[in-house]
Amino acid sequence: MGRILVVDDEPHILKLVSFSLERKGHEVFQATDGVAGLKVAAEEKPDLILMDVMMPVMTGYDALDRLKSDPETCDIPVVMLSAKSQHYEQEEGLRRGALQYICKPFTPRDLAETVNSILVGEE
């Protein structure tokens, strides 16, 4: 299965997403803000990053910009997870390099399907 980094400042979302992915056999890394997420991404080189938009210290958009501008992390697919569900917000995430944008609330099943489709597409 895949190595997935989950970056979210909401403890219950972090726990829910991590638990759901681990149950499916994925190895999960966690970070609670964009700066920490960048550090974990550089160290662990995950197969996929699931990242919130609204976080303290550094937003998900700013972290996404940094990931995509770094040759070491630019090829890691990123899926934005956010309560910001306006169409223009989704377009912004995709414009900055996110592969997909999932609006909160989401179901663990929908998340698992998205993760699996991305990881299978890489093989």
N, C-alpha and C. Protein backbone atom coordinates (compact mmCIF):
# COMPACT_ATOMS: atom_id res chain seq x y z
N MET A 1 0.84 -1.18 0.00
CA MET A 1 0.00 0.00 0.00
C MET A 1 0.89 1.24 0.00
N GLY A 2 0.26 2.41 0.14
CA GLY A 2 1.01 3.64 0.00
C GLY A 2 1.48 4.27 1.30
N ARG A 3 2.41 5.20 1.14
CA ARG A 3 2.91 6.02 2.24
C ARG A 3 2.25 7.39 2.08
N ILE A 4 1.44 7.79 3.06
CA ILE A 4 0.62 8.98 2.92
C ILE A 4 0.88 9.95 4.07
N LEU A 5 1.07 11.21 3.71
CA LEU A 5 1.22 12.28 4.69
C LEU A 5 -0.10 13.02 4.80
N VAL A 6 -0.61 13.14 6.02
CA VAL A 6 -1.84 13.88 6.28
C VAL A 6 -1.46 15.15 7.04
N VAL A 7 -1.82 16.31 6.49
CA VAL A 7 -1.49 17.59 7.11
C VAL A 7 -2.79 18.32 7.41
N ASP A 8 -3.12 18.44 8.70
CA ASP A 8 -4.36 19.09 9.11
C ASP A 8 -4.22 19.55 10.55
N ASP A 9 -4.72 20.73 10.85
CA ASP A 9 -4.60 21.26 12.21
C ASP A 9 -5.75 20.85 13.12
N GLU A 10 -6.75 20.18 12.58
CA GLU A 10 -7.88 19.73 13.39
C GLU A 10 -7.61 18.29 13.86
N PRO A 11 -7.41 18.10 15.17
CA PRO A 11 -7.04 16.77 15.69
C PRO A 11 -8.03 15.67 15.30
N HIS A 12 -9.33 15.97 15.30
CA HIS A 12 -10.30 14.91 14.98
C HIS A 12 -10.24 14.52 13.51
N ILE A 13 -9.96 15.46 12.63
CA ILE A 13 -9.82 15.14 11.20
C ILE A 13 -8.53 14.33 10.99
N LEU A 14 -7.46 14.76 11.62
CA LEU A 14 -6.18 14.05 11.52
C LEU A 14 -6.34 12.61 11.98
N LYS A 15 -7.02 12.43 13.09
CA LYS A 15 -7.22 11.09 13.65
C LYS A 15 -8.12 10.24 12.75
N LEU A 16 -9.22 10.81 12.28
CA LEU A 16 -10.17 10.08 11.42
C LEU A 16 -9.50 9.65 10.11
N VAL A 17 -8.83 10.58 9.46
CA VAL A 17 -8.20 10.28 8.17
C VAL A 17 -7.09 9.24 8.36
N SER A 18 -6.26 9.45 9.37
CA SER A 18 -5.16 8.51 9.62
C SER A 18 -5.68 7.11 9.92
N PHE A 19 -6.68 7.02 10.79
CA PHE A 19 -7.25 5.73 11.15
C PHE A 19 -7.84 5.03 9.92
N SER A 20 -8.58 5.78 9.12
CA SER A 20 -9.21 5.21 7.91
C SER A 20 -8.16 4.67 6.95
N LEU A 21 -7.09 5.42 6.76
CA LEU A 21 -6.05 5.00 5.83
C LEU A 21 -5.24 3.83 6.37
N GLU A 22 -4.94 3.85 7.66
CA GLU A 22 -4.19 2.74 8.27
C GLU A 22 -4.99 1.44 8.20
N ARG A 23 -6.30 1.53 8.36
CA ARG A 23 -7.15 0.34 8.25
C ARG A 23 -7.07 -0.28 6.87
N LYS A 24 -6.79 0.54 5.87
CA LYS A 24 -6.67 0.06 4.49
C LYS A 24 -5.25 -0.41 4.18
N GLY A 25 -4.36 -0.36 5.19
CA GLY A 25 -3.01 -0.87 5.01
C GLY A 25 -1.96 0.16 4.64
N HIS A 26 -2.32 1.44 4.63
CA HIS A 26 -1.37 2.49 4.28
C HIS A 26 -0.51 2.86 5.48
N GLU A 27 0.71 3.29 5.21
CA GLU A 27 1.57 3.86 6.24
C GLU A 27 1.28 5.36 6.27
N VAL A 28 0.95 5.90 7.43
CA VAL A 28 0.51 7.29 7.53
C VAL A 28 1.47 8.11 8.39
N PHE A 29 1.81 9.29 7.87
CA PHE A 29 2.60 10.27 8.60
C PHE A 29 1.67 11.46 8.86
N GLN A 30 1.90 12.20 9.94
CA GLN A 30 1.03 13.31 10.29
C GLN A 30 1.82 14.59 10.52
N ALA A 31 1.17 15.72 10.22
CA ALA A 31 1.70 17.04 10.55
C ALA A 31 0.50 17.95 10.81
N THR A 32 0.70 18.95 11.67
CA THR A 32 -0.42 19.80 12.08
C THR A 32 -0.38 21.21 11.48
N ASP A 33 0.60 21.49 10.64
CA ASP A 33 0.62 22.78 9.93
C ASP A 33 1.50 22.63 8.69
N GLY A 34 1.47 23.66 7.84
CA GLY A 34 2.19 23.58 6.58
C GLY A 34 3.70 23.44 6.73
N VAL A 35 4.29 24.14 7.69
CA VAL A 35 5.73 24.07 7.89
C VAL A 35 6.14 22.65 8.30
N ALA A 36 5.42 22.08 9.25
CA ALA A 36 5.71 20.71 9.68
C ALA A 36 5.47 19.74 8.53
N GLY A 37 4.43 19.99 7.73
CA GLY A 37 4.15 19.14 6.58
C GLY A 37 5.29 19.14 5.57
N LEU A 38 5.87 20.31 5.32
CA LEU A 38 7.01 20.40 4.40
C LEU A 38 8.19 19.59 4.90
N LYS A 39 8.44 19.67 6.20
CA LYS A 39 9.56 18.94 6.80
C LYS A 39 9.35 17.43 6.66
N VAL A 40 8.14 16.96 7.00
CA VAL A 40 7.86 15.52 6.90
C VAL A 40 7.92 15.07 5.44
N ALA A 41 7.39 15.88 4.53
CA ALA A 41 7.43 15.52 3.11
C ALA A 41 8.86 15.36 2.62
N ALA A 42 9.75 16.27 3.03
CA ALA A 42 11.15 16.21 2.61
C ALA A 42 11.86 15.00 3.20
N GLU A 43 11.52 14.66 4.44
CA GLU A 43 12.18 13.54 5.11
C GLU A 43 11.66 12.18 4.64
N GLU A 44 10.35 12.07 4.49
CA GLU A 44 9.72 10.76 4.24
C GLU A 44 9.40 10.48 2.78
N LYS A 45 9.34 11.49 1.94
CA LYS A 45 8.99 11.32 0.52
C LYS A 45 7.75 10.43 0.35
N PRO A 46 6.61 10.87 0.88
CA PRO A 46 5.40 10.04 0.78
C PRO A 46 4.93 9.88 -0.67
N ASP A 47 4.07 8.90 -0.87
CA ASP A 47 3.49 8.67 -2.20
C ASP A 47 2.36 9.65 -2.49
N LEU A 48 1.80 10.23 -1.43
CA LEU A 48 0.64 11.12 -1.55
C LEU A 48 0.58 12.01 -0.32
N ILE A 49 0.13 13.25 -0.52
CA ILE A 49 -0.08 14.17 0.59
C ILE A 49 -1.54 14.63 0.56
N LEU A 50 -2.20 14.52 1.71
CA LEU A 50 -3.55 15.04 1.90
C LEU A 50 -3.40 16.26 2.80
N MET A 51 -3.80 17.46 2.31
CA MET A 51 -3.49 18.68 3.04
C MET A 51 -4.69 19.62 3.16
N ASP A 52 -4.91 20.08 4.38
CA ASP A 52 -5.91 21.09 4.67
C ASP A 52 -5.45 22.42 4.07
N VAL A 53 -6.40 23.32 3.86
CA VAL A 53 -6.06 24.65 3.35
C VAL A 53 -5.83 25.62 4.51
N MET A 54 -6.79 25.70 5.42
CA MET A 54 -6.72 26.69 6.51
C MET A 54 -5.99 26.09 7.71
N MET A 55 -4.73 26.53 7.88
CA MET A 55 -3.92 26.04 9.00
C MET A 55 -3.09 27.19 9.55
N PRO A 56 -2.70 27.08 10.82
CA PRO A 56 -1.82 28.11 11.38
C PRO A 56 -0.39 27.96 10.83
N VAL A 57 0.41 28.95 11.05
CA VAL A 57 1.83 28.99 10.68
C VAL A 57 2.00 29.13 9.17
N MET A 58 1.47 28.20 8.39
CA MET A 58 1.54 28.27 6.93
C MET A 58 0.30 27.59 6.36
N THR A 59 -0.38 28.27 5.46
CA THR A 59 -1.59 27.69 4.86
C THR A 59 -1.22 26.52 3.95
N GLY A 60 -2.24 25.72 3.66
CA GLY A 60 -2.03 24.61 2.73
C GLY A 60 -1.64 25.09 1.34
N TYR A 61 -2.20 26.23 0.91
CA TYR A 61 -1.84 26.78 -0.40
C TYR A 61 -0.36 27.15 -0.44
N ASP A 62 0.12 27.82 0.62
CA ASP A 62 1.53 28.20 0.65
C ASP A 62 2.45 26.98 0.71
N ALA A 63 2.04 25.98 1.49
CA ALA A 63 2.82 24.74 1.56
C ALA A 63 2.83 24.05 0.20
N LEU A 64 1.70 24.06 -0.47
CA LEU A 64 1.60 23.46 -1.80
C LEU A 64 2.55 24.15 -2.77
N ASP A 65 2.58 25.49 -2.72
CA ASP A 65 3.51 26.24 -3.58
C ASP A 65 4.96 25.80 -3.34
N ARG A 66 5.33 25.65 -2.08
CA ARG A 66 6.70 25.27 -1.72
C ARG A 66 7.00 23.84 -2.18
N LEU A 67 6.03 22.93 -1.98
CA LEU A 67 6.22 21.55 -2.42
C LEU A 67 6.45 21.49 -3.92
N LYS A 68 5.65 22.21 -4.67
CA LYS A 68 5.72 22.14 -6.13
C LYS A 68 6.93 22.86 -6.70
N SER A 69 7.53 23.77 -5.93
CA SER A 69 8.72 24.47 -6.42
C SER A 69 10.03 23.78 -6.03
N ASP A 70 9.94 22.74 -5.22
CA ASP A 70 11.13 22.01 -4.77
C ASP A 70 11.30 20.75 -5.62
N PRO A 71 12.43 20.60 -6.30
CA PRO A 71 12.65 19.41 -7.14
C PRO A 71 12.53 18.09 -6.38
N GLU A 72 12.78 18.10 -5.08
CA GLU A 72 12.71 16.88 -4.27
C GLU A 72 11.26 16.45 -3.99
N THR A 73 10.31 17.39 -4.01
CA THR A 73 8.93 17.07 -3.64
C THR A 73 7.91 17.42 -4.73
N CYS A 74 8.35 18.00 -5.83
CA CYS A 74 7.41 18.51 -6.83
C CYS A 74 6.55 17.44 -7.48
N ASP A 75 7.00 16.20 -7.49
CA ASP A 75 6.24 15.13 -8.13
C ASP A 75 5.30 14.38 -7.20
N ILE A 76 5.29 14.74 -5.92
CA ILE A 76 4.38 14.08 -4.97
C ILE A 76 2.97 14.62 -5.21
N PRO A 77 2.01 13.75 -5.50
CA PRO A 77 0.64 14.24 -5.69
C PRO A 77 0.07 14.77 -4.38
N VAL A 78 -0.66 15.88 -4.48
CA VAL A 78 -1.28 16.51 -3.32
C VAL A 78 -2.77 16.62 -3.55
N VAL A 79 -3.54 16.22 -2.54
CA VAL A 79 -5.00 16.39 -2.55
C VAL A 79 -5.32 17.36 -1.42
N MET A 80 -6.01 18.44 -1.75
CA MET A 80 -6.42 19.40 -0.74
C MET A 80 -7.70 18.89 -0.07
N LEU A 81 -7.75 19.00 1.25
CA LEU A 81 -8.94 18.67 2.04
C LEU A 81 -9.36 19.95 2.74
N SER A 82 -10.53 20.48 2.44
CA SER A 82 -10.86 21.77 3.03
C SER A 82 -12.34 22.01 3.20
N ALA A 83 -12.66 22.80 4.22
CA ALA A 83 -14.03 23.26 4.41
C ALA A 83 -14.33 24.42 3.46
N LYS A 84 -13.31 24.97 2.84
CA LYS A 84 -13.49 26.04 1.85
C LYS A 84 -14.03 25.39 0.57
N SER A 85 -15.33 25.46 0.40
CA SER A 85 -15.95 24.70 -0.69
C SER A 85 -16.39 25.56 -1.87
N GLN A 86 -16.07 26.84 -1.84
CA GLN A 86 -16.42 27.70 -2.97
C GLN A 86 -15.66 27.23 -4.21
N HIS A 87 -16.30 27.37 -5.35
CA HIS A 87 -15.70 26.93 -6.61
C HIS A 87 -14.34 27.60 -6.84
N TYR A 88 -14.24 28.90 -6.55
CA TYR A 88 -12.98 29.60 -6.79
C TYR A 88 -11.87 29.08 -5.87
N GLU A 89 -12.22 28.61 -4.67
CA GLU A 89 -11.22 28.02 -3.78
C GLU A 89 -10.68 26.71 -4.37
N GLN A 90 -11.60 25.91 -4.88
CA GLN A 90 -11.19 24.65 -5.50
C GLN A 90 -10.29 24.91 -6.70
N GLU A 91 -10.67 25.88 -7.53
CA GLU A 91 -9.86 26.23 -8.69
C GLU A 91 -8.48 26.71 -8.28
N GLU A 92 -8.41 27.47 -7.19
CA GLU A 92 -7.12 27.96 -6.70
C GLU A 92 -6.19 26.81 -6.32
N GLY A 93 -6.73 25.83 -5.61
CA GLY A 93 -5.92 24.67 -5.23
C GLY A 93 -5.41 23.92 -6.45
N LEU A 94 -6.28 23.71 -7.41
CA LEU A 94 -5.88 22.99 -8.63
C LEU A 94 -4.88 23.81 -9.44
N ARG A 95 -5.09 25.12 -9.50
CA ARG A 95 -4.17 26.00 -10.24
C ARG A 95 -2.76 25.96 -9.64
N ARG A 96 -2.69 25.84 -8.32
CA ARG A 96 -1.39 25.82 -7.64
C ARG A 96 -0.71 24.45 -7.70
N GLY A 97 -1.41 23.45 -8.21
CA GLY A 97 -0.76 22.16 -8.40
C GLY A 97 -1.38 20.97 -7.69
N ALA A 98 -2.47 21.19 -6.96
CA ALA A 98 -3.14 20.05 -6.33
C ALA A 98 -3.73 19.15 -7.41
N LEU A 99 -3.68 17.87 -7.18
CA LEU A 99 -4.24 16.91 -8.12
C LEU A 99 -5.76 16.88 -8.01
N GLN A 100 -6.24 16.97 -6.76
CA GLN A 100 -7.68 16.99 -6.51
C GLN A 100 -7.96 17.88 -5.30
N TYR A 101 -9.25 18.21 -5.13
CA TYR A 101 -9.68 19.06 -4.03
C TYR A 101 -10.94 18.43 -3.46
N ILE A 102 -10.86 17.98 -2.23
CA ILE A 102 -12.00 17.33 -1.57
C ILE A 102 -12.54 18.28 -0.50
N CYS A 103 -13.84 18.52 -0.56
CA CYS A 103 -14.48 19.42 0.41
C CYS A 103 -14.91 18.66 1.66
N LYS A 104 -14.67 19.28 2.81
CA LYS A 104 -15.16 18.75 4.09
C LYS A 104 -16.61 19.19 4.24
N PRO A 105 -17.46 18.38 4.79
CA PRO A 105 -17.20 17.03 5.27
C PRO A 105 -17.15 16.03 4.12
N PHE A 106 -16.39 14.98 4.31
CA PHE A 106 -16.28 13.91 3.34
C PHE A 106 -16.42 12.60 4.09
N THR A 107 -16.70 11.54 3.37
CA THR A 107 -16.82 10.23 4.02
C THR A 107 -15.49 9.49 3.90
N PRO A 108 -15.18 8.65 4.87
CA PRO A 108 -13.97 7.84 4.75
C PRO A 108 -13.95 7.01 3.46
N ARG A 109 -15.10 6.57 3.04
CA ARG A 109 -15.18 5.77 1.81
C ARG A 109 -14.78 6.60 0.59
N ASP A 110 -15.31 7.83 0.51
CA ASP A 110 -14.94 8.70 -0.62
C ASP A 110 -13.45 8.99 -0.61
N LEU A 111 -12.91 9.24 0.58
CA LEU A 111 -11.48 9.51 0.69
C LEU A 111 -10.66 8.29 0.25
N ALA A 112 -11.06 7.11 0.70
CA ALA A 112 -10.35 5.88 0.33
C ALA A 112 -10.37 5.66 -1.18
N GLU A 113 -11.51 5.93 -1.80
CA GLU A 113 -11.61 5.76 -3.25
C GLU A 113 -10.67 6.73 -3.98
N THR A 114 -10.62 7.97 -3.51
CA THR A 114 -9.72 8.95 -4.11
C THR A 114 -8.27 8.53 -3.96
N VAL A 115 -7.90 8.15 -2.74
CA VAL A 115 -6.52 7.72 -2.46
C VAL A 115 -6.16 6.52 -3.34
N ASN A 116 -7.02 5.54 -3.39
CA ASN A 116 -6.73 4.35 -4.18
C ASN A 116 -6.59 4.66 -5.66
N SER A 117 -7.46 5.52 -6.18
CA SER A 117 -7.37 5.84 -7.60
C SER A 117 -6.07 6.56 -7.93
N ILE A 118 -5.59 7.40 -7.02
CA ILE A 118 -4.33 8.11 -7.25
C ILE A 118 -3.14 7.15 -7.15
N LEU A 119 -3.13 6.33 -6.12
CA LEU A 119 -2.01 5.41 -5.93
C LEU A 119 -1.96 4.34 -7.02
N VAL A 120 -3.09 3.85 -7.45
CA VAL A 120 -3.12 2.85 -8.53
C VAL A 120 -2.67 3.48 -9.83
N GLY A 121 -3.04 4.75 -10.04
CA GLY A 121 -2.65 5.46 -11.25
C GLY A 121 -1.15 5.67 -11.37
N GLU A 122 -0.44 5.64 -10.22
CA GLU A 122 1.01 5.84 -10.22
C GLU A 122 1.77 4.59 -10.60
N GLU A 123 1.17 3.44 -10.41
CA GLU A 123 1.89 2.18 -10.64
C GLU A 123 2.01 1.86 -12.10
